[in-house]
């Protein structure tokens, strides 16, 4: 679970004023938690312009599947964006997600993969004959049997995949900008004026 909590002096002071009036803070906390959720979702939408670009191999894979080639954390293809939800109580307002991988995306991480064996499947270019790809004049592979899912493949090979690391760059999205804090203050001011 990853949550965003704001500890801003102006916001805390406004909360103290509401509490001093004996107000029920739950409606204010509900509105603030929704303000925070909207802000975090906006960071998610704006983020790709500032995040590290996708690897060329990832872009090719995404294009082949018809997916957006915006950096990872695309709001259209995954479950992280809709999982960003507000929560509140009588005295707190938070926004968070229950996706385990959210922290890895937000903070970044190096994932160490151990050596392992794996079965890979192929479709044959020429039935009954294993053909290997060749390199053209530009050095790109062409022809040859293609990787396949198990269903529909013609043959399989057991291969050893060496130990390696995958570096996930940080793609922060759980934060508020100054304008977001000002919006929260305006929401609190409305509650102070109506009470």
C-alpha atoms as a PDB file:
ATOM      1  CA  UNK A   1       0.000   0.000   0.000  1.00  0.00           C
ATOM      2  CA  UNK A   2       1.268   3.478  -0.844  1.00  0.00           C
ATOM      3  CA  UNK A   3      -0.456   6.556   0.585  1.00  0.00           C
ATOM      4  CA  UNK A   4      -0.037  10.290   0.251  1.00  0.00           C
ATOM      5  CA  UNK A   5      -0.281  12.366   3.408  1.00  0.00           C
ATOM      6  CA  UNK A   6       0.091  16.135   3.543  1.00  0.00           C
ATOM      7  CA  UNK A   7       1.811  17.845   6.456  1.00  0.00           C
ATOM      8  CA  UNK A   8       1.527  21.484   5.392  1.00  0.00           C
ATOM      9  CA  UNK A   9       1.475  24.184   8.107  1.00  0.00           C
ATOM     10  CA  UNK A  10      -1.276  26.267   6.427  1.00  0.00           C
ATOM     11  CA  UNK A  11      -3.485  23.215   5.972  1.00  0.00           C
ATOM     12  CA  UNK A  12      -2.896  22.051   9.555  1.00  0.00           C
ATOM     13  CA  UNK A  13      -3.769  25.549  10.838  1.00  0.00           C
ATOM     14  CA  UNK A  14      -7.008  25.573   8.830  1.00  0.00           C
ATOM     15  CA  UNK A  15      -7.876  22.130  10.217  1.00  0.00           C
ATOM     16  CA  UNK A  16      -7.244  23.346  13.744  1.00  0.00           C
ATOM     17  CA  UNK A  17      -9.604  26.299  13.122  1.00  0.00           C
ATOM     18  CA  UNK A  18     -12.327  23.923  11.923  1.00  0.00           C
ATOM     19  CA  UNK A  19     -11.817  21.655  14.915  1.00  0.00           C
ATOM     20  CA  UNK A  20     -11.876  24.659  17.304  1.00  0.00           C
ATOM     21  CA  UNK A  21     -15.318  25.582  15.982  1.00  0.00           C
ATOM     22  CA  UNK A  22     -16.532  22.150  17.024  1.00  0.00           C
ATOM     23  CA  UNK A  23     -17.238  21.281  13.399  1.00  0.00           C
ATOM     24  CA  UNK A  24     -17.708  17.755  12.150  1.00  0.00           C
ATOM     25  CA  UNK A  25     -14.564  17.455  10.009  1.00  0.00           C
ATOM     26  CA  UNK A  26     -15.764  14.400   8.068  1.00  0.00           C
ATOM     27  CA  UNK A  27     -17.391  16.399   5.186  1.00  0.00           C
ATOM     28  CA  UNK A  28     -14.238  18.536   4.856  1.00  0.00           C
ATOM     29  CA  UNK A  29     -12.004  15.444   4.955  1.00  0.00           C
ATOM     30  CA  UNK A  30     -14.170  13.794   2.287  1.00  0.00           C
ATOM     31  CA  UNK A  31     -13.810  16.818  -0.011  1.00  0.00           C
ATOM     32  CA  UNK A  32     -10.067  17.090   0.668  1.00  0.00           C
ATOM     33  CA  UNK A  33      -9.463  13.393  -0.004  1.00  0.00           C
ATOM     34  CA  UNK A  34     -11.211  13.816  -3.371  1.00  0.00           C
ATOM     35  CA  UNK A  35      -9.096  16.913  -4.109  1.00  0.00           C
ATOM     36  CA  UNK A  36      -5.987  14.848  -3.340  1.00  0.00           C
ATOM     37  CA  UNK A  37      -7.149  11.953  -5.524  1.00  0.00           C
ATOM     38  CA  UNK A  38      -7.801  14.328  -8.435  1.00  0.00           C
ATOM     39  CA  UNK A  39      -4.346  15.884  -7.979  1.00  0.00           C
ATOM     40  CA  UNK A  40      -2.576  12.506  -7.933  1.00  0.00           C
ATOM     41  CA  UNK A  41      -4.476  11.368 -11.029  1.00  0.00           C
ATOM     42  CA  UNK A  42      -3.424  14.614 -12.727  1.00  0.00           C
ATOM     43  CA  UNK A  43       0.236  13.850 -11.827  1.00  0.00           C
ATOM     44  CA  UNK A  44      -0.307  10.430 -13.394  1.00  0.00           C
ATOM     45  CA  UNK A  45      -1.545  12.059 -16.619  1.00  0.00           C
ATOM     46  CA  UNK A  46       1.240  14.688 -16.683  1.00  0.00           C
ATOM     47  CA  UNK A  47       3.964  12.271 -15.610  1.00  0.00           C
ATOM     48  CA  UNK A  48       4.940  10.716 -18.934  1.00  0.00           C
ATOM     49  CA  UNK A  49       6.423  14.006 -20.142  1.00  0.00           C
ATOM     50  CA  UNK A  50       8.927  13.968 -17.258  1.00  0.00           C
ATOM     51  CA  UNK A  51       9.535  10.225 -16.825  1.00  0.00           C
ATOM     52  CA  UNK A  52      12.347   8.262 -18.442  1.00  0.00           C
ATOM     53  CA  UNK A  53      11.448   7.149 -21.957  1.00  0.00           C
ATOM     54  CA  UNK A  54      10.613   3.516 -22.708  1.00  0.00           C
ATOM     55  CA  UNK A  55      13.277   1.226 -24.142  1.00  0.00           C
ATOM     56  CA  UNK A  56      13.098   0.748 -27.925  1.00  0.00           C
ATOM     57  CA  UNK A  57      12.283  -2.947 -27.472  1.00  0.00           C
ATOM     58  CA  UNK A  58       9.357  -2.040 -25.208  1.00  0.00           C
ATOM     59  CA  UNK A  59       8.073   0.529 -27.722  1.00  0.00           C
ATOM     60  CA  UNK A  60       8.129  -2.106 -30.488  1.00  0.00           C
ATOM     61  CA  UNK A  61       6.260  -4.609 -28.300  1.00  0.00           C
ATOM     62  CA  UNK A  62       3.626  -2.001 -27.350  1.00  0.00           C
ATOM     63  CA  UNK A  63       3.151  -0.942 -30.985  1.00  0.00           C
ATOM     64  CA  UNK A  64       2.726  -4.568 -32.053  1.00  0.00           C
ATOM     65  CA  UNK A  65      -0.042  -4.994 -29.442  1.00  0.00           C
ATOM     66  CA  UNK A  66      -1.663  -1.673 -30.368  1.00  0.00           C
ATOM     67  CA  UNK A  67      -0.879  -0.137 -26.967  1.00  0.00           C
ATOM     68  CA  UNK A  68       0.135   3.435 -26.288  1.00  0.00           C
ATOM     69  CA  UNK A  69       3.884   3.998 -26.398  1.00  0.00           C
ATOM     70  CA  UNK A  70       3.744   6.503 -23.564  1.00  0.00           C
ATOM     71  CA  UNK A  71       6.007   5.460 -20.700  1.00  0.00           C
ATOM     72  CA  UNK A  72       4.907   2.766 -18.280  1.00  0.00           C
ATOM     73  CA  UNK A  73       2.033   3.763 -15.998  1.00  0.00           C
ATOM     74  CA  UNK A  74      -0.180   4.479 -18.951  1.00  0.00           C
ATOM     75  CA  UNK A  75      -3.609   5.268 -17.534  1.00  0.00           C
ATOM     76  CA  UNK A  76      -5.291   3.450 -20.430  1.00  0.00           C
ATOM     77  CA  UNK A  77      -3.662   0.052 -20.144  1.00  0.00           C
ATOM     78  CA  UNK A  78      -3.198  -0.843 -16.516  1.00  0.00           C
ATOM     79  CA  UNK A  79      -4.912  -1.244 -13.208  1.00  0.00           C
ATOM     80  CA  UNK A  80      -2.865   1.314 -11.265  1.00  0.00           C
ATOM     81  CA  UNK A  81      -4.651   4.481 -12.428  1.00  0.00           C
ATOM     82  CA  UNK A  82      -8.162   3.320 -11.428  1.00  0.00           C
ATOM     83  CA  UNK A  83      -6.803   1.950  -8.140  1.00  0.00           C
ATOM     84  CA  UNK A  84      -5.939   5.459  -6.914  1.00  0.00           C
ATOM     85  CA  UNK A  85      -8.705   6.118  -4.402  1.00  0.00           C
ATOM     86  CA  UNK A  86      -9.465   8.627  -1.656  1.00  0.00           C
ATOM     87  CA  UNK A  87     -10.039   7.688   1.968  1.00  0.00           C
ATOM     88  CA  UNK A  88     -11.011   9.778   4.959  1.00  0.00           C
ATOM     89  CA  UNK A  89     -12.078   9.708   8.561  1.00  0.00           C
ATOM     90  CA  UNK A  90     -13.332  12.333  10.944  1.00  0.00           C
ATOM     91  CA  UNK A  91      -9.821  13.796  11.183  1.00  0.00           C
ATOM     92  CA  UNK A  92      -7.746  12.583   8.212  1.00  0.00           C
ATOM     93  CA  UNK A  93      -7.793  12.626   4.438  1.00  0.00           C
ATOM     94  CA  UNK A  94      -5.570  10.331   2.384  1.00  0.00           C
ATOM     95  CA  UNK A  95      -5.258   9.047  -1.131  1.00  0.00           C
ATOM     96  CA  UNK A  96      -3.615   5.751  -1.955  1.00  0.00           C
ATOM     97  CA  UNK A  97      -3.543   2.554  -3.953  1.00  0.00           C
ATOM     98  CA  UNK A  98      -3.565  -1.089  -2.954  1.00  0.00           C
ATOM     99  CA  UNK A  99      -1.435  -2.191  -5.898  1.00  0.00           C
ATOM    100  CA  UNK A 100       1.737  -3.838  -4.634  1.00  0.00           C
ATOM    101  CA  UNK A 101       3.775  -2.586  -7.578  1.00  0.00           C
ATOM    102  CA  UNK A 102       2.818   1.086  -7.028  1.00  0.00           C
ATOM    103  CA  UNK A 103       5.805   1.733  -4.749  1.00  0.00           C
ATOM    104  CA  UNK A 104       8.210   0.202  -7.284  1.00  0.00           C
ATOM    105  CA  UNK A 105       6.907   2.578  -9.959  1.00  0.00           C
ATOM    106  CA  UNK A 106       6.855   5.610  -7.665  1.00  0.00           C
ATOM    107  CA  UNK A 107      10.288   5.156  -6.058  1.00  0.00           C
ATOM    108  CA  UNK A 108      12.057   2.956  -8.643  1.00  0.00           C
ATOM    109  CA  UNK A 109      13.858  -0.301  -7.846  1.00  0.00           C
ATOM    110  CA  UNK A 110      16.497  -2.714  -9.082  1.00  0.00           C
ATOM    111  CA  UNK A 111      15.023  -6.195  -9.364  1.00  0.00           C
ATOM    112  CA  UNK A 112      17.576  -9.028  -9.262  1.00  0.00           C
ATOM    113  CA  UNK A 113      16.492 -12.112 -11.187  1.00  0.00           C
ATOM    114  CA  UNK A 114      18.235 -15.431 -10.439  1.00  0.00           C
ATOM    115  CA  UNK A 115      19.411 -17.841 -13.131  1.00  0.00           C
ATOM    116  CA  UNK A 116      16.576 -20.078 -14.304  1.00  0.00           C
ATOM    117  CA  UNK A 117      15.527 -22.552 -16.981  1.00  0.00           C
ATOM    118  CA  UNK A 118      12.628 -21.769 -19.263  1.00  0.00           C
ATOM    119  CA  UNK A 119      10.845 -23.460 -22.124  1.00  0.00           C
ATOM    120  CA  UNK A 120      10.439 -21.322 -25.245  1.00  0.00           C
ATOM    121  CA  UNK A 121       8.121 -22.178 -28.117  1.00  0.00           C
ATOM    122  CA  UNK A 122       8.447 -21.569 -31.856  1.00  0.00           C
ATOM    123  CA  UNK A 123       6.322 -21.507 -34.987  1.00  0.00           C
ATOM    124  CA  UNK A 124       8.114 -22.949 -38.007  1.00  0.00           C
ATOM    125  CA  UNK A 125       8.731 -20.950 -41.149  1.00  0.00           C
ATOM    126  CA  UNK A 126       9.117 -24.206 -43.119  1.00  0.00           C
ATOM    127  CA  UNK A 127       7.142 -27.103 -41.712  1.00  0.00           C
ATOM    128  CA  UNK A 128       9.371 -29.930 -40.472  1.00  0.00           C
ATOM    129  CA  UNK A 129      12.577 -27.903 -40.733  1.00  0.00           C
ATOM    130  CA  UNK A 130      14.176 -25.700 -38.073  1.00  0.00           C
ATOM    131  CA  UNK A 131      15.293 -22.456 -39.710  1.00  0.00           C
ATOM    132  CA  UNK A 132      17.370 -19.760 -38.127  1.00  0.00           C
ATOM    133  CA  UNK A 133      17.145 -16.058 -38.818  1.00  0.00           C
ATOM    134  CA  UNK A 134      19.846 -14.382 -40.878  1.00  0.00           C
ATOM    135  CA  UNK A 135      21.123 -10.815 -40.747  1.00  0.00           C
ATOM    136  CA  UNK A 136      20.476  -8.480 -43.675  1.00  0.00           C
ATOM    137  CA  UNK A 137      22.904  -5.779 -44.925  1.00  0.00           C
ATOM    138  CA  UNK A 138      21.761  -3.419 -42.134  1.00  0.00           C
ATOM    139  CA  UNK A 139      22.447  -6.092 -39.497  1.00  0.00           C
ATOM    140  CA  UNK A 140      18.776  -6.737 -38.681  1.00  0.00           C
ATOM    141  CA  UNK A 141      17.488 -10.272 -38.227  1.00  0.00           C
ATOM    142  CA  UNK A 142      15.107 -11.561 -40.879  1.00  0.00           C
ATOM    143  CA  UNK A 143      13.302 -14.803 -41.555  1.00  0.00           C
ATOM    144  CA  UNK A 144      13.661 -17.870 -39.398  1.00  0.00           C
ATOM    145  CA  UNK A 145      11.317 -19.516 -36.947  1.00  0.00           C
ATOM    146  CA  UNK A 146       9.414 -17.093 -34.719  1.00  0.00           C
ATOM    147  CA  UNK A 147       8.756 -17.159 -30.983  1.00  0.00           C
ATOM    148  CA  UNK A 148       5.255 -18.350 -30.205  1.00  0.00           C
ATOM    149  CA  UNK A 149       2.898 -19.125 -27.370  1.00  0.00           C
ATOM    150  CA  UNK A 150       2.701 -22.803 -26.429  1.00  0.00           C
ATOM    151  CA  UNK A 151      -0.633 -23.177 -28.206  1.00  0.00           C
ATOM    152  CA  UNK A 152       0.010 -23.182 -31.926  1.00  0.00           C
ATOM    153  CA  UNK A 153       3.758 -23.748 -31.667  1.00  0.00           C
ATOM    154  CA  UNK A 154       5.537 -26.511 -33.628  1.00  0.00           C
ATOM    155  CA  UNK A 155       8.443 -27.157 -31.277  1.00  0.00           C
ATOM    156  CA  UNK A 156       9.940 -26.068 -27.984  1.00  0.00           C
ATOM    157  CA  UNK A 157      13.377 -25.696 -26.453  1.00  0.00           C
ATOM    158  CA  UNK A 158      14.542 -25.617 -22.870  1.00  0.00           C
ATOM    159  CA  UNK A 159      16.957 -22.728 -22.407  1.00  0.00           C
ATOM    160  CA  UNK A 160      18.971 -21.324 -19.531  1.00  0.00           C
ATOM    161  CA  UNK A 161      18.372 -17.653 -18.723  1.00  0.00           C
ATOM    162  CA  UNK A 162      21.314 -16.183 -16.840  1.00  0.00           C
ATOM    163  CA  UNK A 163      21.025 -14.139 -13.666  1.00  0.00           C
ATOM    164  CA  UNK A 164      20.349 -10.491 -14.449  1.00  0.00           C
ATOM    165  CA  UNK A 165      19.007  -7.240 -13.020  1.00  0.00           C
ATOM    166  CA  UNK A 166      16.105  -5.113 -14.194  1.00  0.00           C
ATOM    167  CA  UNK A 167      16.316  -1.453 -13.227  1.00  0.00           C
ATOM    168  CA  UNK A 168      12.910   0.170 -12.895  1.00  0.00           C
ATOM    169  CA  UNK A 169      13.360   3.956 -12.992  1.00  0.00           C
ATOM    170  CA  UNK A 170      11.335   6.067 -10.555  1.00  0.00           C
ATOM    171  CA  UNK A 171       8.127   7.403 -12.082  1.00  0.00           C
ATOM    172  CA  UNK A 172       6.713   9.527  -9.246  1.00  0.00           C
ATOM    173  CA  UNK A 173       2.992  10.198  -9.286  1.00  0.00           C
ATOM    174  CA  UNK A 174       1.962  10.312  -5.591  1.00  0.00           C
ATOM    175  CA  UNK A 175       2.679  13.937  -4.732  1.00  0.00           C
ATOM    176  CA  UNK A 176       0.963  17.316  -4.600  1.00  0.00           C
ATOM    177  CA  UNK A 177       2.064  20.517  -6.283  1.00  0.00           C
ATOM    178  CA  UNK A 178       1.686  23.908  -4.628  1.00  0.00           C
ATOM    179  CA  UNK A 179      -1.461  24.577  -6.709  1.00  0.00           C
ATOM    180  CA  UNK A 180      -2.976  21.359  -5.296  1.00  0.00           C
ATOM    181  CA  UNK A 181      -2.283  22.507  -1.741  1.00  0.00           C
ATOM    182  CA  UNK A 182      -3.914  25.845  -2.518  1.00  0.00           C
ATOM    183  CA  UNK A 183      -6.988  24.003  -3.791  1.00  0.00           C
ATOM    184  CA  UNK A 184      -7.159  22.070  -0.496  1.00  0.00           C
ATOM    185  CA  UNK A 185      -6.868  25.349   1.415  1.00  0.00           C
ATOM    186  CA  UNK A 186      -9.738  26.828  -0.644  1.00  0.00           C
ATOM    187  CA  UNK A 187     -11.860  23.756   0.154  1.00  0.00           C
ATOM    188  CA  UNK A 188     -11.133  24.213   3.855  1.00  0.00           C
ATOM    189  CA  UNK A 189     -11.846  27.944   3.640  1.00  0.00           C
ATOM    190  CA  UNK A 190     -15.290  27.149   2.208  1.00  0.00           C
ATOM    191  CA  UNK A 191     -15.998  24.923   5.223  1.00  0.00           C
ATOM    192  CA  UNK A 192     -14.759  27.625   7.605  1.00  0.00           C
ATOM    193  CA  UNK A 193     -17.000  30.253   5.986  1.00  0.00           C
ATOM    194  CA  UNK A 194     -20.111  28.058   5.987  1.00  0.00           C
ATOM    195  CA  UNK A 195     -19.775  26.916   9.569  1.00  0.00           C
END
